[in-house]
Structure formats: C-alpha cells, structure tokens
Amino acid sequence: MTILQDYPEAIAQDFVRQHIRYVEAFISPARFLPHGLRIQPLLAAIRRGLARVPAVEVALVPDLVRDLGPAQAAVTLQAIHEVRELGIIGVGMGGAEPAFPPELFVEVFAQARRLGLRTTAHAGEAAGPASIWGALRALQVDRIGHGTRAEEDPALLDYLAEQAIPLEVCPLSNVSTRVVPTIADHPVRRYADRGLLVTINTDDPRMFGNTLADEFRALHQHFHFTRDEIRRLILQGIQASWLPRARQEAFLAAFQQDPAW
C-alpha cells in the first residue's frame, strides 16, 4: 500500500504549491476493483497519504461509477459508509453518462441521503439537458458536475439560476474531452453573466495537465473575466462547498483578509 499513500501525498503537496487550502476531491475507488483492491483499505491508504500534508485539508467525494451499474453502486456506497471517518463527506457519479442515465440510480442516491452524505453527479457533459434534469429531479443532487449543455434548455437555465444550484464547471477538461470544440465555445462566460452559481474546478488535473490557476488564467485570457469576477468565483466555490456554514464563513473572511487578495 506504500505507493497508494505516496501518490495522494504528492497530490496534496501539489495543492499546497498552488496555495489551495481546502479541496473536495472526487475519487473513483471502484475503478480499482478489477485489480484486486478493495474499496475500504484503498480509501484508508489514500487518507494516510493525504494526512502527511497537514497544510491542506482534503475531503473525499467517492465516485459511484455509473458504468458499473446500480447494483455495484449500492455495494460501493455501503463500502464508503463503512469508512466514513476517513473524511468522506459525499458521493458523486461520473462515467458513461448517455448509457447510464440518472434514473437508474434513484435508490442508491436516496440511500446516500439517508446515510447523511451530500451528493453530486456529472450531468450535461456527454449528454444533454435531460441528464441534468434527471440528476436534479430523480437523484435530488446538491450540485451538478459540469452542466456544460444546460444552455440547450432555457427553462433549465432559469431553474439553475433561481434555485442557485452549484455547477462544478471544468472548462479546460471540457476542451480536452471535446465536449466543446474550443475554449472560446465554452458557456462559462454566458453562465456567469446569466447569474448561475458557477464554481471553477480542474477535473483530473494529472490526466489533463491543468491546474486551478490555469483554469482561472483561461477565464481571464479567453473570456476577459476581471480580477473582481475571478475573486467572486473563488468565493462562490467556498459558498458551494459542503463545509458547515461556520467554516464557510471563516474561509470567506480569511480569503478576503489575506494580503494577496
């Protein structure tokens, strides 16, 4: 398990180099089941590695992996619940969005809520607005991962704005995966101007070779986000986090009082 601790430690050190203070990290332990790695000890090893870098706080959001189907998602959820003390605050769902729509996972997400876990799901990335509606209505998620294609349905944009549903927006990875042809085609500026609760994220930074600073730099270079607008996006990320309200307030104050702010 040494390498399973070394890698999370390296990731946490990279967060520190980027001056990141708090992370809600999406991880996919069920992807390692075919390699003989059980979910509970894998998550324990990851936590031990992260604990070596106390300068950054990393909460975990395990992926239920829609590709593996709802039965395996239920098994994964139970395994996650057994090691909740490892800093697990919620669950998400990534994977093959068109082939595995949200409606297949209604009971799994209902059970996650009963267990007191927060929820998110990738939607509106590889599939259209119906996938986002499904995540909101069937799964009752707290946040939407990506939501890139939400603008295909004006009524959905209205709902996202009115309900202040946080969007986990990942512009650079959306270009890498060809969800959008070029960065100029990304809807992030239109979403921000429309008043949606946009948060900026990296989405597999080791895979796509990007950092959070790269994401904000792209917003400035390609969409002319001002420094004040970028500051607002950072604060919205804190507000959309799953931290208790008191800790959100503490982070908001700390960021705005920092000399570099």
C-alpha atoms as a PDB file:
ATOM      1  CA  MET A   1       0.000   0.000   0.000  1.00  0.00           C
ATOM      2  CA  THR A   2       3.034   2.301   0.088  1.00  0.00           C
ATOM      3  CA  ILE A   3       2.531   3.661  -3.421  1.00  0.00           C
ATOM      4  CA  LEU A   4      -1.147   4.235  -2.615  1.00  0.00           C
ATOM      5  CA  GLN A   5      -0.007   6.561   0.179  1.00  0.00           C
ATOM      6  CA  ASP A   6       2.834   8.208  -1.742  1.00  0.00           C
ATOM      7  CA  TYR A   7       0.636   9.292  -4.635  1.00  0.00           C
ATOM      8  CA  PRO A   8      -2.009  11.076  -2.515  1.00  0.00           C
ATOM      9  CA  GLU A   9       0.816  12.709  -0.580  1.00  0.00           C
ATOM     10  CA  ALA A  10       2.262  14.056  -3.845  1.00  0.00           C
ATOM     11  CA  ILE A  11      -1.164  15.308  -4.891  1.00  0.00           C
ATOM     12  CA  ALA A  12      -1.610  17.113  -1.563  1.00  0.00           C
ATOM     13  CA  GLN A  13       1.847  18.678  -1.879  1.00  0.00           C
ATOM     14  CA  ASP A  14       0.845  19.954  -5.311  1.00  0.00           C
ATOM     15  CA  PHE A  15      -2.261  21.550  -3.770  1.00  0.00           C
ATOM     16  CA  VAL A  16      -0.021  23.327  -1.266  1.00  0.00           C
ATOM     17  CA  ARG A  17       2.233  24.620  -4.064  1.00  0.00           C
ATOM     18  CA  GLN A  18      -0.871  26.095  -5.689  1.00  0.00           C
ATOM     19  CA  HIS A  19      -1.835  27.785  -2.394  1.00  0.00           C
ATOM     20  CA  ILE A  20      -5.022  25.725  -2.246  1.00  0.00           C
ATOM     21  CA  ARG A  21      -6.342  25.468   1.306  1.00  0.00           C
ATOM     22  CA  TYR A  22      -9.326  23.148   1.033  1.00  0.00           C
ATOM     23  CA  VAL A  23     -10.336  20.504  -1.518  1.00  0.00           C
ATOM     24  CA  GLU A  24     -13.378  18.308  -2.031  1.00  0.00           C
ATOM     25  CA  ALA A  25     -11.685  15.627  -4.115  1.00  0.00           C
ATOM     26  CA  PHE A  26     -13.612  13.379  -6.497  1.00  0.00           C
ATOM     27  CA  ILE A  27     -12.076   9.885  -6.474  1.00  0.00           C
ATOM     28  CA  SER A  28     -13.127   6.585  -8.075  1.00  0.00           C
ATOM     29  CA  PRO A  29     -12.140   3.668  -5.792  1.00  0.00           C
ATOM     30  CA  ALA A  30     -14.497   1.226  -7.533  1.00  0.00           C
ATOM     31  CA  ARG A  31     -12.386   1.540 -10.694  1.00  0.00           C
ATOM     32  CA  PHE A  32      -9.691  -0.443  -8.878  1.00  0.00           C
ATOM     33  CA  LEU A  33     -11.861  -3.450  -8.019  1.00  0.00           C
ATOM     34  CA  PRO A  34     -10.753  -5.385 -11.151  1.00  0.00           C
ATOM     35  CA  HIS A  35      -7.171  -5.021  -9.889  1.00  0.00           C
ATOM     36  CA  GLY A  36      -7.989  -6.745  -6.612  1.00  0.00           C
ATOM     37  CA  LEU A  37      -8.079  -3.599  -4.478  1.00  0.00           C
ATOM     38  CA  ARG A  38     -10.947  -3.381  -2.012  1.00  0.00           C
ATOM     39  CA  ILE A  39     -12.584  -0.018  -1.509  1.00  0.00           C
ATOM     40  CA  GLN A  40     -12.205   0.326   2.264  1.00  0.00           C
ATOM     41  CA  PRO A  41      -8.438  -0.309   2.529  1.00  0.00           C
ATOM     42  CA  LEU A  42      -7.843   1.734  -0.620  1.00  0.00           C
ATOM     43  CA  LEU A  43      -9.574   4.744   0.894  1.00  0.00           C
ATOM     44  CA  ALA A  44      -7.693   4.217   4.156  1.00  0.00           C
ATOM     45  CA  ALA A  45      -4.363   4.243   2.294  1.00  0.00           C
ATOM     46  CA  ILE A  46      -5.351   7.395   0.434  1.00  0.00           C
ATOM     47  CA  ARG A  47      -6.229   9.110   3.698  1.00  0.00           C
ATOM     48  CA  ARG A  48      -2.904   8.127   5.264  1.00  0.00           C
ATOM     49  CA  GLY A  49      -1.076   9.689   2.329  1.00  0.00           C
ATOM     50  CA  LEU A  50      -3.111  12.886   2.493  1.00  0.00           C
ATOM     51  CA  ALA A  51      -2.551  13.116   6.245  1.00  0.00           C
ATOM     52  CA  ARG A  52       1.180  13.506   5.630  1.00  0.00           C
ATOM     53  CA  VAL A  53       0.480  17.012   4.279  1.00  0.00           C
ATOM     54  CA  PRO A  54      -1.420  18.875   7.013  1.00  0.00           C
ATOM     55  CA  ALA A  55      -1.072  22.226   5.215  1.00  0.00           C
ATOM     56  CA  VAL A  56      -4.111  21.417   3.060  1.00  0.00           C
ATOM     57  CA  GLU A  57      -7.446  19.898   4.059  1.00  0.00           C
ATOM     58  CA  VAL A  58      -8.748  17.308   1.609  1.00  0.00           C
ATOM     59  CA  ALA A  59     -12.268  15.936   1.972  1.00  0.00           C
ATOM     60  CA  LEU A  60     -13.207  12.932  -0.165  1.00  0.00           C
ATOM     61  CA  VAL A  61     -16.154  12.519  -2.547  1.00  0.00           C
ATOM     62  CA  PRO A  62     -16.057   8.939  -3.865  1.00  0.00           C
ATOM     63  CA  ASP A  63     -17.495   8.235  -7.307  1.00  0.00           C
ATOM     64  CA  LEU A  64     -20.198   5.567  -7.530  1.00  0.00           C
ATOM     65  CA  VAL A  65     -19.151   4.969 -11.186  1.00  0.00           C
ATOM     66  CA  ARG A  66     -22.293   4.738 -13.268  1.00  0.00           C
ATOM     67  CA  ASP A  67     -20.606   2.418 -15.823  1.00  0.00           C
ATOM     68  CA  LEU A  68     -20.618  -0.379 -13.238  1.00  0.00           C
ATOM     69  CA  GLY A  69     -24.399  -0.196 -12.880  1.00  0.00           C
ATOM     70  CA  PRO A  70     -26.736   0.485  -9.936  1.00  0.00           C
ATOM     71  CA  ALA A  71     -26.119  -2.832  -8.157  1.00  0.00           C
ATOM     72  CA  GLN A  72     -22.391  -2.192  -7.889  1.00  0.00           C
ATOM     73  CA  ALA A  73     -23.093   1.449  -6.996  1.00  0.00           C
ATOM     74  CA  ALA A  74     -25.089   0.211  -3.999  1.00  0.00           C
ATOM     75  CA  VAL A  75     -22.222  -2.064  -2.936  1.00  0.00           C
ATOM     76  CA  THR A  76     -19.761   0.815  -3.342  1.00  0.00           C
ATOM     77  CA  LEU A  77     -21.964   3.090  -1.255  1.00  0.00           C
ATOM     78  CA  GLN A  78     -22.066   0.580   1.582  1.00  0.00           C
ATOM     79  CA  ALA A  79     -18.278   0.226   1.497  1.00  0.00           C
ATOM     80  CA  ILE A  80     -17.907   4.012   1.574  1.00  0.00           C
ATOM     81  CA  HIS A  81     -20.284   4.270   4.511  1.00  0.00           C
ATOM     82  CA  GLU A  82     -18.193   1.784   6.482  1.00  0.00           C
ATOM     83  CA  VAL A  83     -15.197   4.151   6.360  1.00  0.00           C
ATOM     84  CA  ARG A  84     -16.968   7.496   6.672  1.00  0.00           C
ATOM     85  CA  GLU A  85     -14.500   8.533   9.356  1.00  0.00           C
ATOM     86  CA  LEU A  86     -11.822   8.888   6.665  1.00  0.00           C
ATOM     87  CA  GLY A  87     -13.085  12.340   5.779  1.00  0.00           C
ATOM     88  CA  ILE A  88     -15.768  11.259   3.305  1.00  0.00           C
ATOM     89  CA  ILE A  89     -18.398  13.966   3.024  1.00  0.00           C
ATOM     90  CA  GLY A  90     -20.424  12.917   0.000  1.00  0.00           C
ATOM     91  CA  VAL A  91     -20.669  10.802  -3.126  1.00  0.00           C
ATOM     92  CA  GLY A  92     -20.717  11.599  -6.804  1.00  0.00           C
ATOM     93  CA  MET A  93     -21.272   9.800 -10.062  1.00  0.00           C
ATOM     94  CA  GLY A  94     -19.134  10.032 -13.180  1.00  0.00           C
ATOM     95  CA  GLY A  95     -18.668   7.760 -16.151  1.00  0.00           C
ATOM     96  CA  ALA A  96     -20.609   6.958 -19.320  1.00  0.00           C
ATOM     97  CA  GLU A  97     -23.439   9.451 -18.986  1.00  0.00           C
ATOM     98  CA  PRO A  98     -25.586   8.591 -22.072  1.00  0.00           C
ATOM     99  CA  ALA A  99     -25.537   4.833 -21.437  1.00  0.00           C
ATOM    100  CA  PHE A 100     -26.309   5.086 -17.717  1.00  0.00           C
ATOM    101  CA  PRO A 101     -28.861   7.876 -17.107  1.00  0.00           C
ATOM    102  CA  PRO A 102     -29.558   9.209 -13.611  1.00  0.00           C
ATOM    103  CA  GLU A 103     -32.907   7.451 -13.286  1.00  0.00           C
ATOM    104  CA  LEU A 104     -31.133   4.080 -12.900  1.00  0.00           C
ATOM    105  CA  PHE A 105     -29.606   5.236  -9.612  1.00  0.00           C
ATOM    106  CA  VAL A 106     -32.603   6.690  -7.754  1.00  0.00           C
ATOM    107  CA  GLU A 107     -32.495   4.249  -4.840  1.00  0.00           C
ATOM    108  CA  VAL A 108     -28.722   4.450  -4.441  1.00  0.00           C
ATOM    109  CA  PHE A 109     -28.802   8.236  -4.129  1.00  0.00           C
ATOM    110  CA  ALA A 110     -31.803   8.088  -1.804  1.00  0.00           C
ATOM    111  CA  GLN A 111     -29.806   5.737   0.422  1.00  0.00           C
ATOM    112  CA  ALA A 112     -26.809   8.101   0.291  1.00  0.00           C
ATOM    113  CA  ARG A 113     -29.031  10.901   1.577  1.00  0.00           C
ATOM    114  CA  ARG A 114     -30.404   8.655   4.317  1.00  0.00           C
ATOM    115  CA  LEU A 115     -26.809   7.999   5.367  1.00  0.00           C
ATOM    116  CA  GLY A 116     -26.215  11.734   5.648  1.00  0.00           C
ATOM    117  CA  LEU A 117     -23.954  12.069   2.608  1.00  0.00           C
ATOM    118  CA  ARG A 118     -24.066  15.012   0.233  1.00  0.00           C
ATOM    119  CA  THR A 119     -24.490  14.239  -3.460  1.00  0.00           C
ATOM    120  CA  THR A 120     -23.344  15.375  -6.874  1.00  0.00           C
ATOM    121  CA  ALA A 121     -23.411  13.831 -10.351  1.00  0.00           C
ATOM    122  CA  HIS A 122     -21.773  14.521 -13.670  1.00  0.00           C
ATOM    123  CA  ALA A 123     -24.576  15.640 -15.971  1.00  0.00           C
ATOM    124  CA  GLY A 124     -24.866  17.712 -19.106  1.00  0.00           C
ATOM    125  CA  GLU A 125     -21.353  16.814 -20.190  1.00  0.00           C
ATOM    126  CA  ALA A 126     -21.651  13.900 -22.628  1.00  0.00           C
ATOM    127  CA  ALA A 127     -25.471  14.043 -22.551  1.00  0.00           C
ATOM    128  CA  GLY A 128     -27.919  16.915 -22.891  1.00  0.00           C
ATOM    129  CA  PRO A 129     -30.281  18.824 -20.582  1.00  0.00           C
ATOM    130  CA  ALA A 130     -32.412  15.739 -19.865  1.00  0.00           C
ATOM    131  CA  SER A 131     -29.470  14.281 -17.975  1.00  0.00           C
ATOM    132  CA  ILE A 132     -29.260  17.397 -15.793  1.00  0.00           C
ATOM    133  CA  TRP A 133     -32.989  17.376 -15.146  1.00  0.00           C
ATOM    134  CA  GLY A 134     -32.675  13.696 -14.193  1.00  0.00           C
ATOM    135  CA  ALA A 135     -29.860  14.402 -11.736  1.00  0.00           C
ATOM    136  CA  LEU A 136     -31.901  17.199 -10.149  1.00  0.00           C
ATOM    137  CA  ARG A 137     -35.317  15.559 -10.097  1.00  0.00           C
ATOM    138  CA  ALA A 138     -34.579  11.852  -9.768  1.00  0.00           C
ATOM    139  CA  LEU A 139     -31.351  11.942  -7.777  1.00  0.00           C
ATOM    140  CA  GLN A 140     -32.001  15.251  -5.957  1.00  0.00           C
ATOM    141  CA  VAL A 141     -28.310  16.123  -6.092  1.00  0.00           C
ATOM    142  CA  ASP A 142     -26.848  19.105  -4.265  1.00  0.00           C
ATOM    143  CA  ARG A 143     -24.505  20.054  -7.111  1.00  0.00           C
ATOM    144  CA  ILE A 144     -24.136  19.347 -10.828  1.00  0.00           C
ATOM    145  CA  GLY A 145     -20.819  18.225 -12.247  1.00  0.00           C
ATOM    146  CA  HIS A 146     -20.094  20.124 -15.481  1.00  0.00           C
ATOM    147  CA  GLY A 147     -23.582  21.122 -16.706  1.00  0.00           C
ATOM    148  CA  THR A 148     -21.944  22.209 -19.959  1.00  0.00           C
ATOM    149  CA  ARG A 149     -25.013  21.550 -22.117  1.00  0.00           C
ATOM    150  CA  ALA A 150     -27.554  23.151 -19.784  1.00  0.00           C
ATOM    151  CA  GLU A 151     -27.899  26.142 -22.098  1.00  0.00           C
ATOM    152  CA  GLU A 152     -29.638  23.934 -24.664  1.00  0.00           C
ATOM    153  CA  ASP A 153     -32.746  24.294 -22.469  1.00  0.00           C
ATOM    154  CA  PRO A 154     -33.595  27.901 -21.446  1.00  0.00           C
ATOM    155  CA  ALA A 155     -36.049  26.638 -18.816  1.00  0.00           C
ATOM    156  CA  LEU A 156     -33.249  24.635 -17.226  1.00  0.00           C
ATOM    157  CA  LEU A 157     -31.025  27.717 -17.080  1.00  0.00           C
ATOM    158  CA  ASP A 158     -33.849  29.582 -15.353  1.00  0.00           C
ATOM    159  CA  TYR A 159     -34.220  26.773 -12.814  1.00  0.00           C
ATOM    160  CA  LEU A 160     -30.492  26.542 -12.104  1.00  0.00           C
ATOM    161  CA  ALA A 161     -30.357  30.302 -11.546  1.00  0.00           C
ATOM    162  CA  GLU A 162     -33.493  30.505  -9.416  1.00  0.00           C
ATOM    163  CA  GLN A 163     -32.521  27.550  -7.217  1.00  0.00           C
ATOM    164  CA  ALA A 164     -28.839  28.548  -7.016  1.00  0.00           C
ATOM    165  CA  ILE A 165     -27.722  25.036  -7.931  1.00  0.00           C
ATOM    166  CA  PRO A 166     -23.905  24.993  -7.874  1.00  0.00           C
ATOM    167  CA  LEU A 167     -22.253  23.958 -11.125  1.00  0.00           C
ATOM    168  CA  GLU A 168     -18.849  22.280 -10.949  1.00  0.00           C
ATOM    169  CA  VAL A 169     -17.539  23.826 -14.175  1.00  0.00           C
ATOM    170  CA  CYS A 170     -14.320  22.472 -15.723  1.00  0.00           C
ATOM    171  CA  PRO A 171     -13.563  24.458 -18.905  1.00  0.00           C
ATOM    172  CA  LEU A 172     -10.131  23.075 -19.814  1.00  0.00           C
ATOM    173  CA  SER A 173     -11.098  19.424 -19.407  1.00  0.00           C
ATOM    174  CA  ASN A 174     -14.242  20.036 -21.468  1.00  0.00           C
ATOM    175  CA  VAL A 175     -11.959  21.123 -24.299  1.00  0.00           C
ATOM    176  CA  SER A 176      -9.647  18.142 -23.784  1.00  0.00           C
ATOM    177  CA  THR A 177     -12.553  15.696 -23.956  1.00  0.00           C
ATOM    178  CA  ARG A 178     -14.107  17.562 -26.920  1.00  0.00           C
ATOM    179  CA  VAL A 179     -17.306  18.315 -25.039  1.00  0.00           C
ATOM    180  CA  VAL A 180     -16.742  21.761 -26.524  1.00  0.00           C
ATOM    181  CA  PRO A 181     -14.633  22.241 -29.688  1.00  0.00           C
ATOM    182  CA  THR A 182     -12.507  25.109 -28.354  1.00  0.00           C
ATOM    183  CA  ILE A 183     -12.222  27.115 -25.167  1.00  0.00           C
ATOM    184  CA  ALA A 184     -13.956  30.010 -26.944  1.00  0.00           C
ATOM    185  CA  ASP A 185     -17.051  27.808 -27.328  1.00  0.00           C
ATOM    186  CA  HIS A 186     -17.373  27.100 -23.625  1.00  0.00           C
ATOM    187  CA  PRO A 187     -20.508  28.527 -21.952  1.00  0.00           C
ATOM    188  CA  VAL A 188     -18.775  29.581 -18.718  1.00  0.00           C
ATOM    189  CA  ARG A 189     -18.975  33.316 -19.504  1.00  0.00           C
ATOM    190  CA  ARG A 190     -22.620  33.061 -20.510  1.00  0.00           C
ATOM    191  CA  TYR A 191     -23.382  31.106 -17.345  1.00  0.00           C
ATOM    192  CA  ALA A 192     -21.673  33.665 -15.132  1.00  0.00           C
ATOM    193  CA  ASP A 193     -23.420  36.563 -16.857  1.00  0.00           C
ATOM    194  CA  ARG A 194     -26.742  34.721 -16.523  1.00  0.00           C
ATOM    195  CA  GLY A 195     -26.289  34.575 -12.753  1.00  0.00           C
ATOM    196  CA  LEU A 196     -25.724  30.834 -12.378  1.00  0.00           C
ATOM    197  CA  LEU A 197     -23.788  29.656  -9.328  1.00  0.00           C
ATOM    198  CA  VAL A 198     -20.585  28.794 -11.192  1.00  0.00           C
ATOM    199  CA  THR A 199     -17.605  27.218  -9.446  1.00  0.00           C
ATOM    200  CA  ILE A 200     -14.315  26.532 -11.227  1.00  0.00           C
ATOM    201  CA  ASN A 201     -12.661  23.125 -10.953  1.00  0.00           C
ATOM    202  CA  THR A 202      -9.826  21.119 -12.520  1.00  0.00           C
ATOM    203  CA  ASP A 203     -11.340  17.655 -13.248  1.00  0.00           C
ATOM    204  CA  ASP A 204      -8.470  15.122 -13.313  1.00  0.00           C
ATOM    205  CA  PRO A 205      -5.567  17.597 -13.346  1.00  0.00           C
ATOM    206  CA  ARG A 206      -2.958  14.842 -13.704  1.00  0.00           C
ATOM    207  CA  MET A 207      -4.777  13.434 -16.728  1.00  0.00           C
ATOM    208  CA  PHE A 208      -5.379  16.760 -18.459  1.00  0.00           C
ATOM    209  CA  GLY A 209      -2.233  18.539 -17.284  1.00  0.00           C
ATOM    210  CA  ASN A 210      -4.012  21.568 -15.872  1.00  0.00           C
ATOM    211  CA  THR A 211      -4.086  23.407 -12.566  1.00  0.00           C
ATOM    212  CA  LEU A 212      -6.683  25.590 -10.908  1.00  0.00           C
ATOM    213  CA  ALA A 213      -4.514  28.598 -11.763  1.00  0.00           C
ATOM    214  CA  ASP A 214      -4.597  27.504 -15.414  1.00  0.00           C
ATOM    215  CA  GLU A 215      -8.392  27.437 -15.293  1.00  0.00           C
ATOM    216  CA  PHE A 216      -8.611  30.966 -13.914  1.00  0.00           C
ATOM    217  CA  ARG A 217      -5.949  32.170 -16.359  1.00  0.00           C
ATOM    218  CA  ALA A 218      -8.037  30.796 -19.240  1.00  0.00           C
ATOM    219  CA  LEU A 219     -11.090  32.670 -17.964  1.00  0.00           C
ATOM    220  CA  HIS A 220      -9.097  35.896 -17.979  1.00  0.00           C
ATOM    221  CA  GLN A 221      -7.413  35.345 -21.349  1.00  0.00           C
ATOM    222  CA  HIS A 222     -10.324  33.977 -23.356  1.00  0.00           C
ATOM    223  CA  PHE A 223     -13.398  35.456 -21.663  1.00  0.00           C
ATOM    224  CA  HIS A 224     -11.955  38.639 -20.141  1.00  0.00           C
ATOM    225  CA  PHE A 225     -13.019  37.793 -16.605  1.00  0.00           C
ATOM    226  CA  THR A 226     -11.765  40.624 -14.432  1.00  0.00           C
ATOM    227  CA  ARG A 227      -9.894  40.143 -11.172  1.00  0.00           C
ATOM    228  CA  ASP A 228     -13.045  41.025  -9.269  1.00  0.00           C
ATOM    229  CA  GLU A 229     -15.036  38.446 -11.230  1.00  0.00           C
ATOM    230  CA  ILE A 230     -12.437  35.783 -10.532  1.00  0.00           C
ATOM    231  CA  ARG A 231     -12.495  36.695  -6.853  1.00  0.00           C
ATOM    232  CA  ARG A 232     -16.268  36.252  -6.915  1.00  0.00           C
ATOM    233  CA  LEU A 233     -15.887  32.798  -8.497  1.00  0.00           C
ATOM    234  CA  ILE A 234     -13.441  31.805  -5.758  1.00  0.00           C
ATOM    235  CA  LEU A 235     -15.891  32.943  -3.072  1.00  0.00           C
ATOM    236  CA  GLN A 236     -18.722  31.080  -4.813  1.00  0.00           C
ATOM    237  CA  GLY A 237     -16.586  27.942  -4.628  1.00  0.00           C
ATOM    238  CA  ILE A 238     -16.406  28.350  -0.858  1.00  0.00           C
ATOM    239  CA  GLN A 239     -20.145  29.003  -0.625  1.00  0.00           C
ATOM    240  CA  ALA A 240     -20.916  25.922  -2.746  1.00  0.00           C
ATOM    241  CA  SER A 241     -18.675  23.685  -0.638  1.00  0.00           C
ATOM    242  CA  TRP A 242     -20.076  21.138   1.773  1.00  0.00           C
ATOM    243  CA  LEU A 243     -18.349  22.690   4.745  1.00  0.00           C
ATOM    244  CA  PRO A 244     -20.549  23.676   7.709  1.00  0.00           C
ATOM    245  CA  ARG A 245     -21.746  27.258   7.426  1.00  0.00           C
ATOM    246  CA  ALA A 246     -19.462  28.473  10.220  1.00  0.00           C
ATOM    247  CA  ARG A 247     -16.411  27.093   8.443  1.00  0.00           C
ATOM    248  CA  GLN A 248     -17.542  28.606   5.148  1.00  0.00           C
ATOM    249  CA  GLU A 249     -17.776  31.978   6.849  1.00  0.00           C
ATOM    250  CA  ALA A 250     -14.309  31.530   8.328  1.00  0.00           C
ATOM    251  CA  PHE A 251     -12.835  30.709   4.923  1.00  0.00           C
ATOM    252  CA  LEU A 252     -14.623  33.632   3.273  1.00  0.00           C
ATOM    253  CA  ALA A 253     -13.200  36.004   5.865  1.00  0.00           C
ATOM    254  CA  ALA A 254      -9.707  34.506   5.672  1.00  0.00           C
ATOM    255  CA  PHE A 255      -9.547  34.794   1.897  1.00  0.00           C
ATOM    256  CA  GLN A 256     -10.796  38.364   1.803  1.00  0.00           C
ATOM    257  CA  GLN A 257      -8.444  39.433   4.559  1.00  0.00           C
ATOM    258  CA  ASP A 258      -5.374  37.786   3.028  1.00  0.00           C
ATOM    259  CA  PRO A 259      -2.793  40.366   1.811  1.00  0.00           C
ATOM    260  CA  ALA A 260      -2.669  38.621  -1.584  1.00  0.00           C
ATOM    261  CA  TRP A 261      -6.413  39.002  -2.102  1.00  0.00           C
END
